């Protein structure tokens, strides 16, 4: 009998974790939206995971000072980006 070892993939940061990190940094979703020329609702959609957007993820990572492979490993760690 052979046992298969599964490598557990790290979880993406939850929307709550992202919002808390932004609050700690003193940045609102509206600030990110204004910087990127999009709506606050669009930023919220990205944070909640409904709408993927690399530019928004990049802005969030810059603000909270975390690599995007830690922000969303399911998207960036296991791809060629």
N, C-alpha and C. Protein backbone atom coordinates (compact mmCIF):
# COMPACT_ATOMS: atom_id res chain seq x y z
N UNK A 1 0.85 -1.17 0.00
CA UNK A 1 0.00 0.00 0.00
C UNK A 1 0.90 1.24 0.00
N UNK A 2 0.61 2.16 -0.90
CA UNK A 2 1.39 3.38 -1.01
C UNK A 2 0.56 4.55 -0.51
N UNK A 3 1.16 5.32 0.36
CA UNK A 3 0.49 6.52 0.86
C UNK A 3 0.87 7.71 0.00
N UNK A 4 -0.11 8.45 -0.41
CA UNK A 4 0.15 9.66 -1.16
C UNK A 4 0.26 10.82 -0.17
N UNK A 5 1.30 11.57 -0.33
CA UNK A 5 1.43 12.74 0.53
C UNK A 5 0.85 13.94 -0.21
N UNK A 6 0.00 14.63 0.47
CA UNK A 6 -0.60 15.81 -0.11
C UNK A 6 0.07 17.04 0.47
N UNK A 7 0.42 17.93 -0.41
CA UNK A 7 0.97 19.20 0.03
C UNK A 7 -0.20 20.16 0.16
N UNK A 8 -0.39 20.66 1.35
CA UNK A 8 -1.49 21.58 1.58
C UNK A 8 -1.12 22.95 1.03
N UNK A 9 -1.97 23.48 0.19
CA UNK A 9 -1.72 24.80 -0.36
C UNK A 9 -2.10 25.85 0.67
N UNK A 10 -1.28 26.89 0.79
CA UNK A 10 -1.64 27.94 1.74
C UNK A 10 -2.90 28.66 1.28
N UNK A 11 -3.66 29.13 2.24
CA UNK A 11 -4.90 29.83 1.94
C UNK A 11 -4.63 31.27 1.56
N UNK A 12 -5.51 31.80 0.71
CA UNK A 12 -5.48 33.22 0.41
C UNK A 12 -5.86 34.00 1.66
N UNK A 13 -5.41 35.24 1.75
CA UNK A 13 -5.88 36.08 2.84
C UNK A 13 -7.38 36.26 2.68
N UNK A 14 -8.09 36.22 3.78
CA UNK A 14 -9.54 36.38 3.71
C UNK A 14 -9.87 37.86 3.49
N UNK A 15 -11.08 38.15 2.98
CA UNK A 15 -11.47 39.55 2.83
C UNK A 15 -11.37 40.33 4.15
N UNK A 16 -11.71 39.70 5.24
CA UNK A 16 -11.62 40.37 6.54
C UNK A 16 -10.18 40.70 6.88
N UNK A 17 -9.27 39.75 6.63
CA UNK A 17 -7.84 40.00 6.89
C UNK A 17 -7.31 41.16 6.04
N UNK A 18 -7.73 41.21 4.78
CA UNK A 18 -7.29 42.29 3.90
C UNK A 18 -7.84 43.63 4.38
N UNK A 19 -9.11 43.66 4.74
CA UNK A 19 -9.72 44.91 5.22
C UNK A 19 -9.07 45.39 6.51
N UNK A 20 -8.75 44.48 7.40
CA UNK A 20 -8.08 44.85 8.66
C UNK A 20 -6.69 45.42 8.36
N UNK A 21 -5.96 44.76 7.44
CA UNK A 21 -4.62 45.24 7.09
C UNK A 21 -4.69 46.63 6.47
N UNK A 22 -5.69 46.88 5.63
CA UNK A 22 -5.86 48.20 5.04
C UNK A 22 -6.20 49.24 6.11
N UNK A 23 -7.07 48.87 7.03
CA UNK A 23 -7.42 49.78 8.12
C UNK A 23 -6.19 50.13 8.95
N UNK A 24 -5.37 49.13 9.26
CA UNK A 24 -4.15 49.37 10.03
C UNK A 24 -3.20 50.31 9.29
N UNK A 25 -3.22 50.23 7.96
CA UNK A 25 -2.38 51.09 7.14
C UNK A 25 -3.00 52.47 6.94
N UNK A 26 -4.24 52.63 7.41
CA UNK A 26 -4.92 53.92 7.27
C UNK A 26 -5.41 54.22 5.87
N UNK A 27 -5.68 53.17 5.10
CA UNK A 27 -6.12 53.33 3.72
C UNK A 27 -7.52 52.75 3.56
N UNK A 28 -8.37 53.50 2.87
CA UNK A 28 -9.74 53.04 2.60
C UNK A 28 -9.81 52.48 1.18
N UNK A 29 -10.83 51.67 0.95
CA UNK A 29 -11.04 51.13 -0.39
C UNK A 29 -11.21 52.25 -1.40
N UNK A 30 -11.84 53.33 -0.98
CA UNK A 30 -12.05 54.48 -1.85
C UNK A 30 -10.71 55.08 -2.30
N UNK A 31 -9.72 55.07 -1.41
CA UNK A 31 -8.39 55.60 -1.75
C UNK A 31 -7.75 54.77 -2.86
N UNK A 32 -7.88 53.46 -2.76
CA UNK A 32 -7.33 52.57 -3.79
C UNK A 32 -8.06 52.80 -5.11
N UNK A 33 -9.38 52.91 -5.02
CA UNK A 33 -10.19 53.12 -6.22
C UNK A 33 -9.79 54.42 -6.93
N UNK A 34 -9.64 55.47 -6.16
CA UNK A 34 -9.28 56.77 -6.74
C UNK A 34 -7.91 56.70 -7.41
N UNK A 35 -6.96 56.05 -6.75
CA UNK A 35 -5.60 55.91 -7.29
C UNK A 35 -5.61 55.15 -8.62
N UNK A 36 -6.48 54.14 -8.72
CA UNK A 36 -6.52 53.30 -9.91
C UNK A 36 -7.55 53.74 -10.95
N UNK A 37 -8.36 54.74 -10.60
CA UNK A 37 -9.39 55.22 -11.53
C UNK A 37 -10.54 54.26 -11.72
N UNK A 38 -10.89 53.55 -10.64
CA UNK A 38 -12.02 52.61 -10.67
C UNK A 38 -12.96 52.93 -9.51
N UNK A 39 -14.04 52.20 -9.40
CA UNK A 39 -15.00 52.45 -8.32
C UNK A 39 -14.61 51.70 -7.05
N UNK A 40 -15.11 52.18 -5.93
CA UNK A 40 -14.90 51.50 -4.65
C UNK A 40 -15.53 50.11 -4.70
N UNK A 41 -16.65 50.00 -5.41
CA UNK A 41 -17.32 48.70 -5.52
C UNK A 41 -16.44 47.69 -6.25
N UNK A 42 -15.67 48.17 -7.24
CA UNK A 42 -14.76 47.28 -7.95
C UNK A 42 -13.66 46.79 -7.02
N UNK A 43 -13.12 47.69 -6.21
CA UNK A 43 -12.09 47.30 -5.24
C UNK A 43 -12.67 46.29 -4.26
N UNK A 44 -13.89 46.53 -3.80
CA UNK A 44 -14.53 45.61 -2.88
C UNK A 44 -14.73 44.24 -3.51
N UNK A 45 -15.08 44.21 -4.79
CA UNK A 45 -15.25 42.94 -5.50
C UNK A 45 -13.96 42.15 -5.58
N UNK A 46 -12.85 42.85 -5.72
CA UNK A 46 -11.54 42.18 -5.75
C UNK A 46 -11.18 41.66 -4.36
N UNK A 47 -11.37 42.51 -3.36
CA UNK A 47 -11.06 42.09 -1.98
C UNK A 47 -11.88 40.87 -1.58
N UNK A 48 -13.15 40.86 -1.97
CA UNK A 48 -14.02 39.75 -1.60
C UNK A 48 -13.76 38.50 -2.43
N UNK A 49 -12.95 38.63 -3.49
CA UNK A 49 -12.61 37.48 -4.31
C UNK A 49 -13.56 37.22 -5.46
N UNK A 50 -14.54 38.10 -5.64
CA UNK A 50 -15.51 37.90 -6.72
C UNK A 50 -14.94 38.26 -8.09
N UNK A 51 -14.04 39.25 -8.13
CA UNK A 51 -13.50 39.74 -9.39
C UNK A 51 -11.98 39.84 -9.31
N UNK A 52 -11.25 38.94 -9.95
CA UNK A 52 -9.79 39.01 -9.89
C UNK A 52 -9.27 40.24 -10.64
N UNK A 53 -8.28 40.89 -10.06
CA UNK A 53 -7.64 42.03 -10.70
C UNK A 53 -6.22 42.17 -10.19
N UNK A 54 -5.27 41.93 -11.07
CA UNK A 54 -3.87 42.03 -10.66
C UNK A 54 -3.48 43.46 -10.28
N UNK A 55 -3.96 44.50 -11.00
CA UNK A 55 -3.60 45.86 -10.58
C UNK A 55 -4.11 46.21 -9.17
N UNK A 56 -5.30 45.76 -8.84
CA UNK A 56 -5.83 46.03 -7.49
C UNK A 56 -5.03 45.23 -6.46
N UNK A 57 -4.75 43.97 -6.76
CA UNK A 57 -3.92 43.17 -5.85
C UNK A 57 -2.56 43.81 -5.65
N UNK A 58 -1.97 44.32 -6.73
CA UNK A 58 -0.66 44.99 -6.63
C UNK A 58 -0.74 46.20 -5.71
N UNK A 59 -1.80 47.00 -5.86
CA UNK A 59 -1.97 48.19 -5.01
C UNK A 59 -2.13 47.79 -3.55
N UNK A 60 -2.94 46.77 -3.29
CA UNK A 60 -3.15 46.30 -1.92
C UNK A 60 -1.83 45.82 -1.33
N UNK A 61 -1.09 45.04 -2.10
CA UNK A 61 0.19 44.50 -1.62
C UNK A 61 1.18 45.62 -1.28
N UNK A 62 1.20 46.64 -2.12
CA UNK A 62 2.10 47.76 -1.86
C UNK A 62 1.71 48.47 -0.57
N UNK A 63 0.42 48.63 -0.34
CA UNK A 63 -0.07 49.33 0.85
C UNK A 63 0.20 48.53 2.12
N UNK A 64 -0.13 47.24 2.08
CA UNK A 64 0.01 46.43 3.31
C UNK A 64 1.37 45.76 3.41
N UNK A 65 2.22 46.01 2.41
CA UNK A 65 3.59 45.53 2.39
C UNK A 65 3.69 44.01 2.53
N UNK A 66 3.00 43.36 1.61
CA UNK A 66 3.05 41.90 1.56
C UNK A 66 3.15 41.48 0.10
N UNK A 67 3.88 40.43 -0.16
CA UNK A 67 4.02 39.91 -1.51
C UNK A 67 2.68 39.33 -1.96
N UNK A 68 2.38 39.50 -3.25
CA UNK A 68 1.07 39.00 -3.70
C UNK A 68 0.98 37.47 -3.66
N UNK A 69 2.12 36.80 -3.57
CA UNK A 69 2.08 35.34 -3.41
C UNK A 69 1.60 34.97 -2.00
N UNK A 70 1.69 35.91 -1.07
CA UNK A 70 1.12 35.68 0.26
C UNK A 70 -0.32 36.17 0.34
N UNK A 71 -0.63 37.20 -0.45
CA UNK A 71 -1.99 37.72 -0.49
C UNK A 71 -2.95 36.69 -1.08
N UNK A 72 -2.57 36.18 -2.23
CA UNK A 72 -3.41 35.21 -2.95
C UNK A 72 -2.55 34.08 -3.54
N UNK A 73 -2.07 33.18 -2.69
CA UNK A 73 -1.23 32.10 -3.22
C UNK A 73 -1.94 31.24 -4.26
N UNK A 74 -3.25 31.10 -4.15
CA UNK A 74 -3.97 30.29 -5.12
C UNK A 74 -3.87 30.88 -6.53
N UNK A 75 -3.67 32.17 -6.61
CA UNK A 75 -3.60 32.84 -7.90
C UNK A 75 -2.15 33.05 -8.36
N UNK A 76 -1.26 33.44 -7.46
CA UNK A 76 0.07 33.85 -7.86
C UNK A 76 1.19 32.86 -7.53
N UNK A 77 1.04 32.10 -6.49
CA UNK A 77 2.10 31.16 -6.11
C UNK A 77 2.13 29.96 -7.04
N UNK A 78 0.98 29.54 -7.49
CA UNK A 78 0.88 28.33 -8.31
C UNK A 78 0.64 28.65 -9.78
N UNK A 79 1.19 29.78 -10.22
CA UNK A 79 1.09 30.14 -11.64
C UNK A 79 2.45 30.64 -12.09
N UNK A 80 2.55 30.99 -13.34
CA UNK A 80 3.83 31.44 -13.90
C UNK A 80 4.03 32.95 -13.78
N UNK A 81 3.21 33.62 -13.02
CA UNK A 81 3.32 35.09 -12.90
C UNK A 81 4.43 35.47 -12.01
